[in-house]
């Protein structure tokens, strides 16, 4: 029987720059086999592409004009060279997306990109890339250029920022929810503003009734809860579900009631059956007591429910991963470490 729900699956910032994290694609592939309508997004790449654009850097440098903290010499240098960053940023992003490979020669002259402290860590480039590795050498230099801008962001407007993690230190082996809760109620940064703008656009375009976020790592939890907070405040009719690797390892003994200020349900382990049964419950077709590996907050207490008679979906029935809706040609091919063995 076809579901009445519209599901929006997304991965909050940040996981990786070079490819989408596959969890939502696997779930969407399964939903296709059971007539559940779903869309998906990677908010991480959306935020990166907006932040690392001419518009994004203009917003960043405008905020820095009123920055009252003390800046290091390195950050002062980047701020002084802002015109060069504004002129080169979109060309560099296009190169890392493989849209302009001929830019590699210009980057390798070391006269094209503005350089700050990350370039002082350069390894022996000839040993690492040889005389034939012009393109990889340029990708490494372009990555250092982005990391210089990342240093600027972390030192000034958002200390939580990182290309493959966001506010990870708050979530990694956390013994108390207090630091995360306090951070979630602080004023938004430019990074979180961009993230919530992207989220709002998806909600307007897809009009979901249920939002499912995959939290694979500690560095996704803060952004995911920030998204849940936004949905609760602005779209309270939408049910928010959290799952993924972080939930499977760190939330198995979930006892923090404040967690449910930001989400409605937490699903553990293999998600296909759990989500399908949860969707039936939200649609009024299944009693709450017959859910599968699901936390919820009901009658003032956290309840863990795993009474469903249905088994997990077998591998032969999960369908084919569906990456439709993800901007596969927009990811960035970066090289953080010069050592070719890495």
Protein backbone atom coordinates (compact mmCIF):
# COMPACT_ATOMS: atom_id res chain seq x y z
CA UNK A 1 0.00 0.00 0.00
CA UNK A 2 1.41 3.37 -1.02
CA UNK A 3 2.46 5.70 1.80
CA UNK A 4 0.87 9.12 2.22
CA UNK A 5 4.07 10.59 3.70
CA UNK A 6 6.70 12.68 1.96
CA UNK A 7 10.15 11.87 3.33
CA UNK A 8 13.17 14.16 3.19
CA UNK A 9 16.48 12.42 3.88
CA UNK A 10 19.59 14.48 4.50
CA UNK A 11 23.12 14.38 5.88
CA UNK A 12 24.00 17.47 7.94
CA UNK A 13 27.44 19.12 7.66
CA UNK A 14 30.13 17.90 7.43
CA UNK A 15 31.29 14.48 6.23
CA UNK A 16 33.52 14.72 3.17
CA UNK A 17 34.15 16.99 0.22
CA UNK A 18 34.77 14.43 -2.51
CA UNK A 19 31.60 12.33 -2.49
CA UNK A 20 28.20 12.10 -0.77
CA UNK A 21 27.88 9.88 2.28
CA UNK A 22 25.84 6.90 1.00
CA UNK A 23 23.31 6.34 3.82
CA UNK A 24 20.50 8.44 2.37
CA UNK A 25 21.00 6.93 -1.10
CA UNK A 26 20.57 3.42 0.34
CA UNK A 27 17.42 4.42 2.21
CA UNK A 28 15.98 6.18 -0.83
CA UNK A 29 16.69 3.08 -2.92
CA UNK A 30 14.74 0.98 -0.43
CA UNK A 31 11.85 3.46 -0.26
CA UNK A 32 11.55 3.22 -4.05
CA UNK A 33 10.74 -0.49 -3.68
CA UNK A 34 7.90 0.08 -1.19
CA UNK A 35 6.24 3.13 -2.80
CA UNK A 36 7.37 5.65 -0.20
CA UNK A 37 8.03 9.06 -1.74
CA UNK A 38 11.41 10.47 -0.71
CA UNK A 39 13.94 13.15 -1.63
CA UNK A 40 17.48 13.58 -0.37
CA UNK A 41 20.19 16.19 0.10
CA UNK A 42 23.72 16.64 1.38
CA UNK A 43 23.65 19.89 3.34
CA UNK A 44 27.43 19.69 3.76
CA UNK A 45 28.27 20.24 0.10
CA UNK A 46 25.52 22.88 -0.15
CA UNK A 47 27.10 24.89 2.68
CA UNK A 48 30.66 24.45 1.37
CA UNK A 49 29.76 25.64 -2.13
CA UNK A 50 27.93 28.68 -0.79
CA UNK A 51 30.60 29.56 1.76
CA UNK A 52 33.48 29.06 -0.67
CA UNK A 53 32.07 31.28 -3.38
CA UNK A 54 32.59 34.94 -4.12
CA UNK A 55 29.27 35.72 -2.41
CA UNK A 56 30.17 33.64 0.64
CA UNK A 57 33.62 35.18 1.05
CA UNK A 58 32.17 38.67 0.63
CA UNK A 59 29.80 37.92 3.52
CA UNK A 60 32.70 36.52 5.54
CA UNK A 61 35.00 39.51 5.00
CA UNK A 62 32.13 41.91 5.70
CA UNK A 63 31.58 40.24 9.09
CA UNK A 64 35.30 40.51 9.82
CA UNK A 65 35.26 44.27 9.34
CA UNK A 66 33.41 44.52 12.65
CA UNK A 67 35.35 41.74 14.39
CA UNK A 68 36.42 42.90 17.84
CA UNK A 69 38.73 40.05 18.81
CA UNK A 70 42.48 40.01 18.41
CA UNK A 71 43.65 38.52 15.11
CA UNK A 72 46.82 36.50 14.56
CA UNK A 73 49.35 37.65 11.97
CA UNK A 74 48.27 34.82 9.68
CA UNK A 75 44.60 35.87 9.74
CA UNK A 76 45.58 39.50 9.22
CA UNK A 77 47.48 38.42 6.12
CA UNK A 78 44.44 36.61 4.70
CA UNK A 79 42.24 39.60 5.45
CA UNK A 80 44.77 41.91 3.75
CA UNK A 81 44.75 39.65 0.66
CA UNK A 82 40.95 39.39 0.52
CA UNK A 83 40.71 40.83 -3.00
CA UNK A 84 42.92 38.02 -4.30
CA UNK A 85 40.75 35.42 -2.55
CA UNK A 86 37.59 36.97 -4.01
CA UNK A 87 39.09 36.94 -7.51
CA UNK A 88 40.27 33.33 -7.38
CA UNK A 89 37.78 31.40 -5.22
CA UNK A 90 35.25 30.41 -7.89
CA UNK A 91 37.97 29.44 -10.38
CA UNK A 92 39.60 27.23 -7.75
CA UNK A 93 36.31 25.54 -6.81
CA UNK A 94 35.61 24.93 -10.51
CA UNK A 95 39.07 23.38 -10.90
CA UNK A 96 38.50 21.05 -7.92
CA UNK A 97 35.19 20.04 -9.52
CA UNK A 98 37.16 19.11 -12.67
CA UNK A 99 35.49 21.85 -14.69
CA UNK A 100 38.71 23.64 -15.67
CA UNK A 101 41.68 21.23 -15.56
CA UNK A 102 43.95 23.59 -17.52
CA UNK A 103 44.07 25.89 -14.48
CA UNK A 104 46.50 23.39 -12.95
CA UNK A 105 49.49 24.91 -14.74
CA UNK A 106 48.65 28.40 -13.50
CA UNK A 107 48.18 27.19 -9.92
CA UNK A 108 51.53 25.35 -10.00
CA UNK A 109 53.42 28.54 -10.86
CA UNK A 110 52.82 29.59 -7.20
CA UNK A 111 51.96 33.07 -8.50
CA UNK A 112 48.22 32.56 -8.87
CA UNK A 113 46.90 31.70 -5.42
CA UNK A 114 47.29 33.92 -2.35
CA UNK A 115 49.28 31.99 0.25
CA UNK A 116 49.09 32.01 4.04
CA UNK A 117 50.40 29.69 6.77
CA UNK A 118 49.23 26.36 5.29
CA UNK A 119 51.74 26.79 2.46
CA UNK A 120 54.58 26.84 4.96
CA UNK A 121 53.87 23.15 5.59
CA UNK A 122 54.55 22.10 1.99
CA UNK A 123 56.38 18.82 1.61
CA UNK A 124 58.88 18.12 -1.15
CA UNK A 125 56.52 18.59 -4.08
CA UNK A 126 58.82 17.02 -6.66
CA UNK A 127 59.15 13.88 -4.56
CA UNK A 128 55.41 13.71 -3.91
CA UNK A 129 54.13 14.39 -7.41
CA UNK A 130 57.10 14.12 -9.76
CA UNK A 131 57.37 15.95 -13.04
CA UNK A 132 54.17 14.41 -14.44
CA UNK A 133 51.85 15.10 -11.51
CA UNK A 134 50.93 18.69 -12.40
CA UNK A 135 47.22 18.15 -11.84
CA UNK A 136 47.60 16.46 -8.46
CA UNK A 137 50.15 19.04 -7.39
CA UNK A 138 47.67 21.79 -8.25
CA UNK A 139 44.88 20.01 -6.36
CA UNK A 140 47.13 19.87 -3.30
CA UNK A 141 47.97 23.57 -3.55
CA UNK A 142 44.29 24.43 -4.05
CA UNK A 143 43.43 22.36 -0.97
CA UNK A 144 45.97 24.32 1.11
CA UNK A 145 44.36 27.52 -0.20
CA UNK A 146 40.95 26.35 1.06
CA UNK A 147 42.46 25.32 4.40
CA UNK A 148 43.87 28.83 4.84
CA UNK A 149 40.34 30.19 4.47
CA UNK A 150 39.15 27.50 6.89
CA UNK A 151 41.68 28.76 9.46
CA UNK A 152 40.23 32.24 9.02
CA UNK A 153 36.69 30.96 9.65
CA UNK A 154 37.69 28.98 12.75
CA UNK A 155 39.68 31.81 14.32
CA UNK A 156 37.01 34.46 13.77
CA UNK A 157 33.35 33.63 13.08
CA UNK A 158 32.96 29.92 13.89
CA UNK A 159 35.39 27.93 16.06
CA UNK A 160 33.41 24.74 15.32
CA UNK A 161 34.14 24.75 11.57
CA UNK A 162 35.95 21.91 9.81
CA UNK A 163 35.76 20.43 6.30
CA UNK A 164 34.95 16.90 7.44
CA UNK A 165 33.50 17.61 10.87
CA UNK A 166 31.50 20.33 12.59
CA UNK A 167 31.66 20.93 16.35
CA UNK A 168 33.13 17.45 16.71
CA UNK A 169 34.79 18.23 20.04
CA UNK A 170 31.34 18.81 21.57
CA UNK A 171 30.10 15.36 20.58
CA UNK A 172 33.21 13.18 20.72
CA UNK A 173 32.97 10.93 23.79
CA UNK A 174 30.59 13.45 25.39
CA UNK A 175 29.82 12.67 29.03
CA UNK A 176 27.26 15.46 29.38
CA UNK A 177 24.74 17.05 27.04
CA UNK A 178 25.28 20.47 28.65
CA UNK A 179 28.01 21.79 26.28
CA UNK A 180 26.03 20.75 23.20
CA UNK A 181 22.80 22.20 24.58
CA UNK A 182 24.50 25.51 25.40
CA UNK A 183 26.08 25.71 21.93
CA UNK A 184 22.74 24.97 20.26
CA UNK A 185 21.20 27.97 22.00
CA UNK A 186 23.98 30.38 21.06
CA UNK A 187 23.61 32.86 18.21
CA UNK A 188 23.98 31.37 14.74
CA UNK A 189 27.21 31.82 12.81
CA UNK A 190 27.47 32.52 9.08
CA UNK A 191 28.03 28.77 8.55
CA UNK A 192 24.86 27.75 10.40
CA UNK A 193 22.91 30.53 8.66
CA UNK A 194 23.92 29.10 5.28
CA UNK A 195 22.99 25.60 6.46
CA UNK A 196 19.53 26.65 7.68
CA UNK A 197 18.89 28.64 4.49
CA UNK A 198 19.61 25.51 2.46
CA UNK A 199 17.37 23.44 4.74
CA UNK A 200 14.52 25.93 4.40
CA UNK A 201 14.82 25.84 0.60
CA UNK A 202 14.52 22.05 0.59
CA UNK A 203 11.52 22.16 2.91
CA UNK A 204 9.82 24.72 0.67
CA UNK A 205 10.57 22.68 -2.46
CA UNK A 206 9.69 19.22 -1.14
CA UNK A 207 7.08 20.00 1.56
CA UNK A 208 8.05 16.92 3.59
CA UNK A 209 5.92 15.49 6.38
CA UNK A 210 8.86 13.54 7.87
CA UNK A 211 12.53 14.56 7.92
CA UNK A 212 15.16 11.86 8.48
CA UNK A 213 18.74 12.87 9.19
CA UNK A 214 21.70 10.53 9.04
CA UNK A 215 24.36 11.27 11.68
CA UNK A 216 27.31 9.04 10.73
CA UNK A 217 29.99 10.74 12.87
CA UNK A 218 30.33 12.94 15.98
CA UNK A 219 31.10 15.84 13.64
CA UNK A 220 27.55 15.75 12.27
CA UNK A 221 25.61 15.74 15.53
CA UNK A 222 25.67 19.45 16.35
CA UNK A 223 24.59 20.48 12.85
CA UNK A 224 21.88 17.80 12.82
CA UNK A 225 20.43 18.96 16.13
CA UNK A 226 20.64 22.56 14.90
CA UNK A 227 18.54 21.54 11.92
CA UNK A 228 16.10 19.74 14.21
CA UNK A 229 15.86 22.84 16.38
CA UNK A 230 15.07 24.97 13.32
CA UNK A 231 12.39 22.56 12.10
CA UNK A 232 10.77 22.39 15.54
CA UNK A 233 10.60 26.18 15.76
CA UNK A 234 9.51 26.91 12.19
CA UNK A 235 7.78 23.75 10.91
CA UNK A 236 6.38 22.01 14.01
CA UNK A 237 4.09 19.77 11.92
CA UNK A 238 7.14 17.94 10.49
CA UNK A 239 8.32 14.87 12.41
CA UNK A 240 12.12 14.70 12.87
CA UNK A 241 13.89 11.33 12.92
CA UNK A 242 17.59 10.80 13.70
CA UNK A 243 19.67 7.74 12.91
CA UNK A 244 23.06 6.68 11.57
CA UNK A 245 26.42 5.50 12.84
CA UNK A 246 26.68 7.97 15.70
CA UNK A 247 23.28 6.98 17.06
CA UNK A 248 24.15 3.30 16.71
CA UNK A 249 27.30 3.61 18.80
CA UNK A 250 26.77 6.55 21.17
CA UNK A 251 23.00 6.74 21.77
CA UNK A 252 22.15 3.14 22.61
CA UNK A 253 21.51 4.13 26.24
CA UNK A 254 19.89 7.47 25.48
CA UNK A 255 18.60 9.00 28.72
CA UNK A 256 18.85 12.75 28.04
CA UNK A 257 15.34 14.19 27.84
CA UNK A 258 16.60 17.47 26.36
CA UNK A 259 17.65 15.54 23.25
CA UNK A 260 13.98 15.36 22.32
CA UNK A 261 13.74 19.14 22.16
CA UNK A 262 15.37 18.71 18.74
CA UNK A 263 14.08 15.36 17.41
CA UNK A 264 10.96 13.23 17.73
CA UNK A 265 12.46 9.78 17.21
CA UNK A 266 15.86 8.06 17.22
CA UNK A 267 16.22 4.85 15.21
CA UNK A 268 19.09 2.42 15.79
CA UNK A 269 21.00 0.06 13.50
CA UNK A 270 19.77 -1.05 10.09
CA UNK A 271 17.23 1.56 9.14
CA UNK A 272 14.98 0.23 6.40
CA UNK A 273 12.51 -1.73 8.52
CA UNK A 274 12.66 0.66 11.49
CA UNK A 275 11.81 3.65 9.32
CA UNK A 276 9.09 1.89 7.36
CA UNK A 277 7.32 0.86 10.58
CA UNK A 278 7.83 4.32 12.08
CA UNK A 279 6.28 5.92 9.01
CA UNK A 280 3.27 3.60 9.41
CA UNK A 281 2.97 4.73 13.05
CA UNK A 282 3.15 8.44 12.14
CA UNK A 283 0.42 7.83 9.53
CA UNK A 284 -1.77 6.24 12.21
CA UNK A 285 -1.50 2.74 10.75
CA UNK A 286 0.58 1.16 13.53
CA UNK A 287 0.49 1.35 17.30
CA UNK A 288 3.44 2.98 19.05
CA UNK A 289 4.13 -0.22 20.99
CA UNK A 290 4.93 -2.10 17.75
CA UNK A 291 7.89 -0.03 16.57
CA UNK A 292 11.36 -1.44 15.91
CA UNK A 293 14.55 -0.26 17.70
CA UNK A 294 13.16 3.24 18.17
CA UNK A 295 13.51 5.82 20.96
CA UNK A 296 10.72 8.35 21.52
CA UNK A 297 9.61 10.74 24.24
CA UNK A 298 6.12 9.90 25.44
CA UNK A 299 4.17 10.84 28.58
CA UNK A 300 7.18 12.67 30.00
CA UNK A 301 9.63 9.78 29.68
CA UNK A 302 12.07 8.37 27.13
CA UNK A 303 10.85 5.04 25.79
CA UNK A 304 12.80 2.47 23.79
CA UNK A 305 10.47 0.31 21.74
CA UNK A 306 11.47 -2.89 19.95
CA UNK A 307 8.37 -5.07 19.86
CA UNK A 308 7.73 -5.28 16.13
CA UNK A 309 7.18 -8.78 14.80
CA UNK A 310 8.60 -7.91 11.39
CA UNK A 311 12.19 -8.89 10.66
CA UNK A 312 14.84 -6.62 9.17
CA UNK A 313 14.73 -6.22 5.40
CA UNK A 314 16.96 -8.82 3.75
CA UNK A 315 19.82 -7.72 1.54
CA UNK A 316 18.04 -9.03 -1.56
CA UNK A 317 15.07 -6.74 -0.87
CA UNK A 318 16.72 -3.42 -0.01
CA UNK A 319 16.80 -2.24 -3.63
CA UNK A 320 19.52 -0.33 -5.44
CA UNK A 321 21.06 2.82 -3.93
CA UNK A 322 19.50 5.89 -5.55
CA UNK A 323 21.71 8.99 -5.73
CA UNK A 324 19.18 11.13 -7.60
CA UNK A 325 18.89 14.62 -6.18
CA UNK A 326 22.51 14.77 -5.03
CA UNK A 327 24.82 17.13 -6.98
CA UNK A 328 27.32 14.43 -7.96
CA UNK A 329 29.30 16.73 -10.29
CA UNK A 330 29.68 19.43 -7.64
CA UNK A 331 31.88 17.58 -5.16
CA UNK A 332 35.51 18.63 -4.75
CA UNK A 333 38.48 16.42 -5.49
CA UNK A 334 40.93 17.60 -2.84
CA UNK A 335 44.36 16.31 -1.78
CA UNK A 336 45.09 17.18 1.84
CA UNK A 337 48.31 15.20 2.23
CA UNK A 338 51.09 15.28 -0.36
CA UNK A 339 52.24 11.72 0.36
CA UNK A 340 50.84 9.71 -2.61
CA UNK A 341 50.41 6.64 -0.40
CA UNK A 342 47.64 8.54 1.42
